[in-house]
Protein backbone atom coordinates (compact mmCIF):
# COMPACT_ATOMS: atom_id res chain seq x y z
CA MET A 1 95.98 149.68 126.56
CA GLN A 2 93.52 147.03 126.44
CA GLU A 3 94.63 143.30 125.73
CA LYS A 4 93.43 141.81 122.37
CA GLN A 5 90.91 138.39 122.96
CA PRO A 6 92.37 135.40 121.02
CA SER A 7 89.68 135.79 118.42
CA GLU A 8 90.86 138.89 117.55
CA LEU A 9 94.48 138.04 117.29
CA LEU A 10 93.21 135.20 115.25
CA GLU A 11 91.54 137.50 112.44
CA ARG A 12 94.74 139.70 112.39
CA ASP A 13 96.97 137.02 111.48
CA ILE A 14 94.25 135.93 108.49
CA ARG A 15 94.37 139.05 107.12
CA GLN A 16 98.23 139.64 107.35
CA LEU A 17 98.76 136.35 105.53
CA LEU A 18 96.30 137.04 102.91
CA ILE A 19 98.01 140.64 102.55
CA GLU A 20 101.78 138.60 102.58
CA GLY A 21 100.17 135.18 100.55
CA PRO A 22 100.35 135.15 96.66
CA SER A 23 96.70 132.87 97.44
CA ALA A 24 94.26 131.40 99.09
CA GLU A 25 95.12 127.79 99.25
CA VAL A 26 98.84 128.94 100.75
CA VAL A 27 96.94 131.04 103.36
CA CYS A 28 94.89 127.96 104.23
CA GLU A 29 98.14 125.98 104.30
CA LYS A 30 99.84 128.46 106.70
CA LEU A 31 97.09 128.55 108.91
CA ILE A 32 96.65 124.51 109.11
CA GLU A 33 100.40 124.62 110.32
CA LYS A 34 100.43 127.66 112.71
CA TYR A 35 96.76 126.37 114.12
CA GLY A 36 96.19 122.55 113.46
CA ASN A 37 97.83 121.40 116.52
CA THR A 38 96.89 124.53 118.75
CA ALA A 39 93.67 124.10 121.40
CA LEU A 40 91.55 126.33 120.05
CA THR A 41 88.03 127.77 121.25
CA ARG A 42 85.10 126.98 119.37
CA ALA A 43 84.85 130.59 118.35
CA GLU A 44 88.28 130.65 117.22
CA PHE A 45 87.14 127.45 114.95
CA GLU A 46 84.27 129.42 113.75
CA ILE A 47 86.43 132.13 112.47
CA LEU A 48 89.04 129.76 110.75
CA SER A 49 85.88 127.52 109.24
CA VAL A 50 83.90 131.06 107.81
CA PHE A 51 87.50 131.65 106.26
CA PHE A 52 87.64 128.09 104.62
CA LEU A 53 84.40 127.71 103.59
CA ARG A 54 84.48 130.98 102.06
CA VAL A 55 87.73 130.57 99.70
CA GLY A 56 86.00 127.02 98.89
CA ASN A 57 88.93 125.07 100.80
CA TYR A 58 86.58 122.02 102.18
CA ILE A 59 88.87 118.78 102.38
CA LYS A 60 91.58 121.51 104.45
CA LEU A 61 88.84 122.39 106.82
CA ASN A 62 87.80 118.74 107.19
CA GLU A 63 91.44 118.00 108.39
CA LEU A 64 91.53 120.75 110.74
CA LEU A 65 88.26 119.99 112.22
CA THR A 66 88.36 116.07 112.19
CA ARG A 67 92.00 116.02 114.17
CA ALA A 68 90.26 118.81 116.62
CA VAL A 69 87.21 116.08 117.17
CA SER A 70 90.19 113.59 117.44
CA ARG A 71 91.35 115.95 120.62
CA ASN A 72 87.71 116.27 122.11
CA LEU A 73 87.89 120.39 121.23
CA ALA A 74 84.78 121.61 120.60
CA ILE A 75 84.10 122.80 116.87
CA PRO A 76 81.02 124.33 114.93
CA TRP A 77 79.45 121.49 113.73
CA GLY A 78 77.19 122.99 111.26
CA HIS A 79 80.81 124.27 109.26
CA TYR A 80 82.15 120.80 109.95
CA CYS A 81 79.15 119.14 108.38
CA GLU A 82 79.33 121.67 105.15
CA SER A 83 83.32 120.88 104.89
CA ILE A 84 82.34 117.22 104.83
CA PHE A 85 79.47 117.07 102.45
CA SER A 86 81.10 119.57 100.16
CA SER A 87 84.27 117.39 99.64
CA THR A 88 82.92 114.06 98.23
CA GLN A 89 79.40 113.17 96.84
CA ILE A 90 79.21 110.43 99.01
CA ILE A 91 78.88 110.24 102.22
CA PRO A 92 78.48 106.77 104.38
CA GLY A 93 75.13 106.37 107.09
CA GLN A 94 77.88 106.08 109.65
CA VAL A 95 79.95 109.22 108.92
CA LYS A 96 75.91 110.65 109.34
CA THR A 97 75.63 108.71 112.21
CA ALA A 98 78.58 109.93 113.86
CA LEU A 99 78.09 113.55 112.93
CA ILE A 100 74.99 113.61 114.91
CA GLU A 101 76.28 111.92 117.88
CA GLY A 102 79.19 114.13 117.69
CA ALA A 103 77.43 117.21 118.05
CA THR A 104 74.92 115.25 120.72
CA GLU A 105 77.67 114.74 123.02
CA GLN A 106 78.67 118.16 122.92
CA ARG A 107 75.58 119.87 123.36
CA GLN A 108 75.84 121.59 119.98
CA LEU A 109 73.03 119.73 117.75
CA HIS A 110 71.74 123.60 117.51
CA GLU A 111 74.66 124.42 115.73
CA LEU A 112 74.63 121.07 113.79
CA SER A 113 71.41 122.25 112.17
CA ARG A 114 72.66 125.16 110.76
CA SER A 115 73.44 122.76 107.65
CA HIS A 116 71.11 121.58 105.66
CA PHE A 117 72.90 118.35 104.41
CA LEU A 118 71.60 115.93 106.92
CA ASP A 119 67.87 117.14 107.12
CA GLN A 120 66.63 113.82 105.39
CA PHE A 121 68.56 111.77 107.71
CA ASP A 122 67.49 113.42 110.97
CA GLU A 123 64.05 115.08 110.68
CA SER A 124 64.63 116.64 114.56
CA LEU A 125 67.30 119.53 112.49
CA PRO A 126 65.04 121.54 110.55
CA THR A 127 63.40 121.52 114.15
CA LYS A 128 66.15 122.62 115.64
CA ARG A 129 67.47 125.01 113.11
CA LYS A 130 63.86 126.81 113.22
CA GLU A 131 64.60 126.97 117.19
CA ARG A 132 67.52 128.66 116.76
CA ARG A 133 66.62 131.47 114.24
CA GLU A 134 63.49 132.08 116.57
CA LEU A 135 66.05 132.24 119.65
CA GLN A 136 68.21 134.72 117.55
CA GLN A 137 65.61 136.79 116.48
CA LYS A 138 64.36 137.29 120.19
CA LYS A 139 67.96 138.21 121.46
CA HIS A 140 67.94 140.56 118.34
CA LEU A 141 64.95 142.11 119.15
CA GLU A 142 65.86 142.36 123.02
CA LYS A 143 68.88 143.75 122.06
CA LYS A 144 67.39 146.48 120.03
CA GLN A 145 64.89 147.41 122.70
CA GLU A 146 67.57 147.51 125.50
CA MET A 147 69.11 149.83 122.82
CA LEU A 148 66.30 152.30 122.18
CA ILE A 149 66.20 152.44 126.28
CA GLN A 150 69.55 153.44 126.76
CA ALA A 151 69.11 155.98 124.12
CA GLU A 152 66.00 157.58 125.74
CA THR A 153 67.60 157.32 128.84
CA LEU A 154 70.62 159.22 127.65
CA ARG A 155 68.55 162.19 126.00
CA SER A 156 66.71 162.42 129.75
CA GLN A 157 70.12 163.22 131.00
CA GLY A 158 71.00 165.71 128.57
CA LEU A 159 73.86 163.54 127.21
CA TYR A 160 72.87 164.18 123.42
CA GLU A 161 76.21 163.62 122.07
CA ASN A 162 76.51 160.10 123.86
CA GLU A 163 72.93 159.32 122.45
CA GLY A 164 74.04 160.29 118.91
CA LYS A 165 76.75 157.96 119.15
CA LEU A 166 74.55 154.91 120.31
CA LEU A 167 71.99 155.76 117.64
CA GLU A 168 74.92 155.37 115.07
CA ARG A 169 76.05 152.52 116.28
CA MET A 170 71.84 151.19 116.06
CA ARG A 171 71.70 152.09 112.49
CA ARG A 172 74.86 149.95 111.46
CA PHE A 173 73.44 146.98 113.77
CA PHE A 174 70.20 147.31 112.72
CA PRO A 175 69.76 148.71 108.91
CA ASP A 176 66.39 148.47 108.11
CA ASP A 177 64.27 148.68 111.39
CA PRO A 178 61.79 151.28 110.71
CA GLU A 179 62.24 151.80 115.08
CA VAL A 180 65.61 152.74 114.71
CA ALA A 181 64.87 154.66 111.46
CA LYS A 182 62.44 156.86 113.36
CA GLN A 183 64.82 157.70 116.09
CA LEU A 184 67.14 158.84 113.09
CA ASN A 185 65.02 161.33 111.80
CA LYS A 186 63.83 162.51 115.14
CA ARG A 187 67.21 163.24 116.20
CA LYS A 188 67.85 165.04 112.72
CA GLN A 189 64.88 167.01 113.21
CA GLN A 190 65.63 168.26 116.81
CA LEU A 191 69.26 169.13 115.33
CA ALA A 192 67.81 170.90 112.76
CA LEU A 193 65.52 173.11 114.70
CA GLY A 194 68.29 173.68 117.28
CA VAL A 195 66.75 171.46 120.19
CA LEU A 196 69.80 169.49 120.67
CA ASN A 197 72.22 172.42 120.93
CA ASP A 198 76.07 171.37 122.05
CA SER A 199 75.64 173.95 124.58
CA GLN A 200 73.08 171.83 126.40
CA ALA A 201 75.89 169.60 127.23
CA VAL A 202 77.93 172.34 129.29
CA PRO A 203 81.30 171.66 129.81
CA GLU A 204 82.91 172.39 133.47
CA THR A 205 82.69 175.99 134.83
CA LYS A 206 85.87 177.97 135.60
CA LYS A 207 85.09 176.64 139.59
CA THR A 208 85.72 173.38 140.43
CA ARG A 209 82.91 171.21 140.96
CA ARG A 210 85.29 168.15 143.06
CA LYS A 211 83.58 167.56 146.60
CA PRO A 212 86.08 168.53 149.10
CA PRO A 213 88.92 165.85 149.51
CA SER A 214 88.39 162.70 151.51
CA ARG A 215 89.86 161.60 154.64
CA ILE A 216 92.11 159.08 152.30
CA GLU A 217 92.94 161.87 149.98
CA LYS A 218 94.21 163.69 152.94
CA LEU A 219 96.75 161.23 153.93
CA ASP A 220 100.32 161.03 153.66
CA PRO A 221 102.20 158.43 151.43
CA GLU A 222 103.40 156.64 154.26
CA SER A 223 99.43 156.46 155.74
CA LEU A 224 98.63 155.19 152.29
CA LYS A 225 101.00 152.70 152.45
CA ILE A 226 99.36 151.30 155.98
CA LEU A 227 96.00 151.58 154.37
CA SER A 228 97.02 149.43 151.80
CA THR A 229 98.58 146.68 153.84
CA VAL A 230 95.58 146.89 156.42
CA LEU A 231 93.41 146.06 152.99
CA GLN A 232 95.62 143.73 151.86
CA ARG A 233 95.30 141.70 155.52
CA MET A 234 91.71 142.26 155.64
CA ASN A 235 91.14 140.35 152.10
CA GLU A 236 93.66 137.76 153.45
CA ALA A 237 91.45 137.35 156.77
CA LEU A 238 88.11 136.64 154.13
CA GLY A 239 89.86 134.58 151.99
CA GLU A 240 91.01 131.93 155.07
CA ILE A 241 87.39 132.39 157.06
CA GLY A 242 85.09 133.39 153.86
CA ASP A 243 82.71 135.09 156.59
CA GLU A 244 80.07 137.36 155.57
CA GLU A 245 79.55 139.21 158.51
CA LEU A 246 83.05 139.84 158.74
CA LYS A 247 82.96 141.29 155.24
CA LYS A 248 80.02 143.56 156.20
CA ASP A 249 82.59 144.61 159.10
CA PHE A 250 85.29 145.28 156.72
CA MET A 251 83.25 147.26 154.63
CA ILE A 252 81.99 149.78 157.06
CA ALA A 253 85.51 149.98 158.41
CA HIS A 254 86.66 151.29 155.40
CA LEU A 255 83.42 153.82 155.27
CA MET A 256 84.25 155.39 157.93
CA TRP A 257 87.87 155.83 156.72
CA GLU A 258 86.21 157.29 153.57
CA ASN A 259 87.42 154.75 151.50
CA TYR A 260 84.96 154.51 149.41
CA GLU A 261 86.19 152.10 146.51
CA ALA A 262 87.72 149.49 149.33
CA SER A 263 84.55 149.61 151.08
CA LEU A 264 82.40 149.10 147.88
CA SER A 265 85.14 145.86 147.33
CA PHE A 266 83.79 144.50 150.55
CA MET A 267 79.80 145.02 149.82
CA PRO A 268 78.37 141.13 150.69
CA GLU A 269 77.47 139.70 147.31
CA LEU A 270 74.90 137.46 148.49
CA GLU A 271 72.43 140.56 150.41
CA ASN A 272 69.79 141.50 147.67
CA THR A 273 67.70 144.04 150.18
CA GLN A 274 66.70 147.44 148.97
CA SER A 275 68.64 149.36 151.42
CA ALA A 276 72.21 147.31 150.24
CA GLU A 277 71.29 148.38 147.03
CA TRP A 278 71.14 152.15 148.39
CA LEU A 279 74.26 152.04 149.96
CA ARG A 280 75.96 150.64 146.97
CA LEU A 281 74.25 153.48 144.83
CA GLU A 282 75.53 156.19 147.59
CA LEU A 283 79.05 154.30 147.63
CA LEU A 284 79.36 154.57 144.23
CA LEU A 285 78.50 158.64 144.22
CA ALA A 286 80.78 159.00 146.96
CA ALA A 287 84.07 157.16 145.40
CA ARG A 288 82.84 159.30 142.03
CA ARG A 289 82.20 155.89 140.00
CA TYR A 290 79.55 158.46 137.98
CA VAL A 291 79.19 156.58 134.82
CA ASP A 292 79.05 153.50 136.81
CA LEU A 293 76.20 155.32 138.92
CA LEU A 294 73.98 156.15 136.01
CA ASN A 295 74.35 152.85 134.65
CA GLU A 296 72.94 150.96 137.85
CA LEU A 297 70.27 154.01 138.26
CA ILE A 298 68.92 152.56 135.27
CA ILE A 299 69.05 149.13 136.31
CA VAL A 300 66.78 149.74 140.45
CA GLU A 301 64.71 152.33 138.32
CA SER A 302 62.88 149.67 136.45
CA LYS A 303 63.07 147.80 139.74
CA TRP A 304 61.32 150.38 141.83
CA SER A 305 59.30 152.05 139.56
CA LYS A 306 56.44 151.59 141.60
CA ASP A 307 57.70 153.33 145.07
CA PRO A 308 57.42 157.10 144.64
CA GLU A 309 59.95 157.83 147.32
CA ALA A 310 62.45 155.57 145.41
CA THR A 311 61.76 157.58 142.19
CA PHE A 312 62.77 160.39 144.19
CA GLY A 313 66.01 158.94 145.36
CA ILE A 314 66.76 158.06 142.45
CA LEU A 315 66.38 161.20 140.40
CA TYR A 316 68.44 163.16 143.21
CA LEU A 317 71.18 160.66 142.93
CA ARG A 318 70.91 161.17 139.08
CA ALA A 319 71.39 164.82 139.19
CA GLN A 320 74.81 164.37 141.32
CA ALA A 321 76.53 162.03 138.92
CA LEU A 322 75.32 164.21 135.96
CA TRP A 323 76.86 166.98 137.64
CA GLY A 324 80.00 165.11 138.75
CA LEU A 325 80.22 164.53 134.98
CA GLY A 326 79.65 168.01 134.02
CA GLN A 327 76.63 167.94 132.84
CA SER A 328 75.50 171.09 134.70
CA VAL A 329 71.90 172.04 132.75
CA PRO A 330 70.02 168.18 133.05
CA ALA A 331 71.46 168.16 136.69
CA LEU A 332 69.89 171.59 137.75
CA LYS A 333 66.65 170.78 135.66
CA ILE A 334 66.20 167.34 137.63
CA LEU A 335 66.67 168.77 141.17
CA GLU A 336 64.15 171.61 139.74
CA SER A 337 61.63 169.25 138.66
CA ILE A 338 61.96 167.50 142.46
CA GLN A 339 61.75 170.61 144.36
CA ALA A 340 58.42 171.85 142.03
CA VAL A 341 56.95 168.25 143.56
CA ARG A 342 58.54 168.35 146.83
CA PRO A 343 59.09 171.87 148.30
CA ASN A 344 60.17 170.51 151.33
CA TYR A 345 62.99 168.28 150.55
CA ARG A 346 65.57 170.54 152.48
CA ALA A 347 68.46 168.15 150.76
CA CYS A 348 67.62 169.06 147.24
CA SER A 349 67.04 172.92 147.90
CA ALA A 350 70.00 173.05 149.41
CA LEU A 351 72.26 171.68 146.84
CA LEU A 352 70.32 173.52 144.32
CA ALA A 353 71.27 176.64 145.88
CA GLU A 354 75.10 175.77 146.01
CA TRP A 355 75.11 174.60 142.95
CA ARG A 356 73.35 177.75 141.16
CA GLU A 357 75.65 180.05 143.25
CA GLU A 358 78.93 178.14 141.57
CA LEU A 359 77.52 178.75 138.32
CA LEU A 360 77.41 182.53 139.19
């Protein structure tokens, strides 16, 4: 089971206290009692601040964040400013200066700019707010474009159910976006016409599609135990020496033993050549990490888009990953498209014949 993040636990506590507590004021008291002396993260203080501000308990929020500032903890300065200015009508100039200095010291002046209360006191804050808004809009647009590319990739791979789930997520994230609405309408029309039949995401055939077992999978428990000890000793040696050449040697050794997962773990991190990336892709395929392989293929596809040979290699790997995931129809279509352009591509022809035979 996936461990809950601290912020999720905090949100759960607030919900539970709201269910149990007779009033929002009592809930605020209990939250102060529980978290007032805790070294929370800025994100956790953000969650508490939003709750306190929404229920109108500015004084308690002011108390909580003032205590946090005295302990040099990172806080949401915009919310702190809101709590101070909402608690009293008269704010001394030194308090305003302290707010700006504190936020600057934590490099959070852009967060302080979320509040309008200090605009006349510091002319740079409206500019910071504008920059923050533009940055958020840019990230929003980049996220949308990234998700649209993912949806297009899933569609091209015949993963229509996954595409549908992604588009539904996009509908929630970008409810009024015309591009997202266009994609959803297009999918709705294709579903109505039967273009995206569930039959296209073909389930596993009766015949197994698993590759023959590797050497590692053939080993008995005792041999596996020995190999595990060897792997542990290799990691210890690297921890002591930290030699990149030794790391390569270990990677090659595990590759020869067909221990692909271990071989992947020894891939040199700093080596960013095309041959090294091809090796990693091949290892992901050999280790049957098909989803990881598909994700990485999307990245290298854009990097090597001007290299025709690389394009065919990427398509060949993508077909094998889809086949491994049980997506036989799109996998076959990819190989057929390669064969149509490269009829002398022997590996492709042989694999295509093998798959067709399996489907008989």
